[in-house]
Structures are given as structure tokens and as C-alpha cells.
Amino acid sequence: MEDKGTLIVLTPERFTARNPDHLALAARVTELLARAGVVPPV
């Protein structure tokens, strides 16, 4: 994304907030990135 940031693709299919597996995966990735100091905790 050049100098705009980073795009992280979590699923091969379209991500949807109605899919509990997608939400769990997003929460886990957010937690791991926060622990690594890459993003501030939400």
C-alpha cells in the first residue's frame, strides 16, 4: 500500500462481520499485533 499502511488479508473469501470465525480471527490477529507493539490496543 506504498506509504499508506499495510493491508493484511485474513481470509481467502470475503470478510464479513456476520461470520463468527472471521470475527474471532480478526480479534486474534489484533491481539497478536498489539502484543508485538505494531498497533496500539483497541
Protein backbone atom coordinates (compact mmCIF):
# COMPACT_ATOMS: atom_id res chain seq x y z
CA MET A 1 0.00 0.00 0.00
CA GLU A 2 3.03 2.19 -0.65
CA ASP A 3 3.36 4.72 2.19
CA LYS A 4 -0.32 4.49 3.24
CA GLY A 5 -0.03 1.47 5.53
CA THR A 6 -0.30 -2.29 5.36
CA LEU A 7 -3.12 -4.47 4.12
CA ILE A 8 -3.48 -7.77 5.93
CA VAL A 9 -5.62 -10.41 4.23
CA LEU A 10 -7.11 -12.77 6.82
CA THR A 11 -9.37 -14.99 4.71
CA PRO A 12 -9.42 -16.19 1.12
CA GLU A 13 -13.13 -15.41 0.94
CA ARG A 14 -14.76 -12.04 1.54
CA PHE A 15 -14.52 -10.99 5.19
CA THR A 16 -17.90 -10.45 6.82
CA ALA A 17 -18.86 -9.30 10.32
CA ARG A 18 -21.68 -11.86 10.30
CA ASN A 19 -19.23 -14.76 10.27
CA PRO A 20 -18.15 -15.59 13.85
CA ASP A 21 -15.00 -17.29 12.57
CA HIS A 22 -13.96 -14.11 10.80
CA LEU A 23 -14.56 -12.04 13.91
CA ALA A 24 -12.58 -14.44 16.08
CA LEU A 25 -9.70 -14.41 13.62
CA ALA A 26 -9.69 -10.61 13.47
CA ALA A 27 -9.68 -10.39 17.26
CA ARG A 28 -6.77 -12.84 17.49
CA VAL A 29 -4.71 -11.04 14.87
CA THR A 30 -5.41 -7.68 16.54
CA GLU A 31 -4.29 -9.12 19.88
CA LEU A 32 -1.07 -10.50 18.40
CA LEU A 33 -0.26 -7.24 16.62
CA ALA A 34 -0.89 -5.26 19.81
CA ARG A 35 1.36 -7.60 21.82
CA ALA A 36 4.08 -7.18 19.21
CA GLY A 37 3.77 -3.40 19.54
CA VAL A 38 2.76 -2.98 15.92
CA VAL A 39 -0.60 -1.37 16.68
CA PRO A 40 -1.97 0.18 19.86
CA PRO A 41 -4.58 -1.90 21.72
CA VAL A 42 -8.18 -1.07 20.84
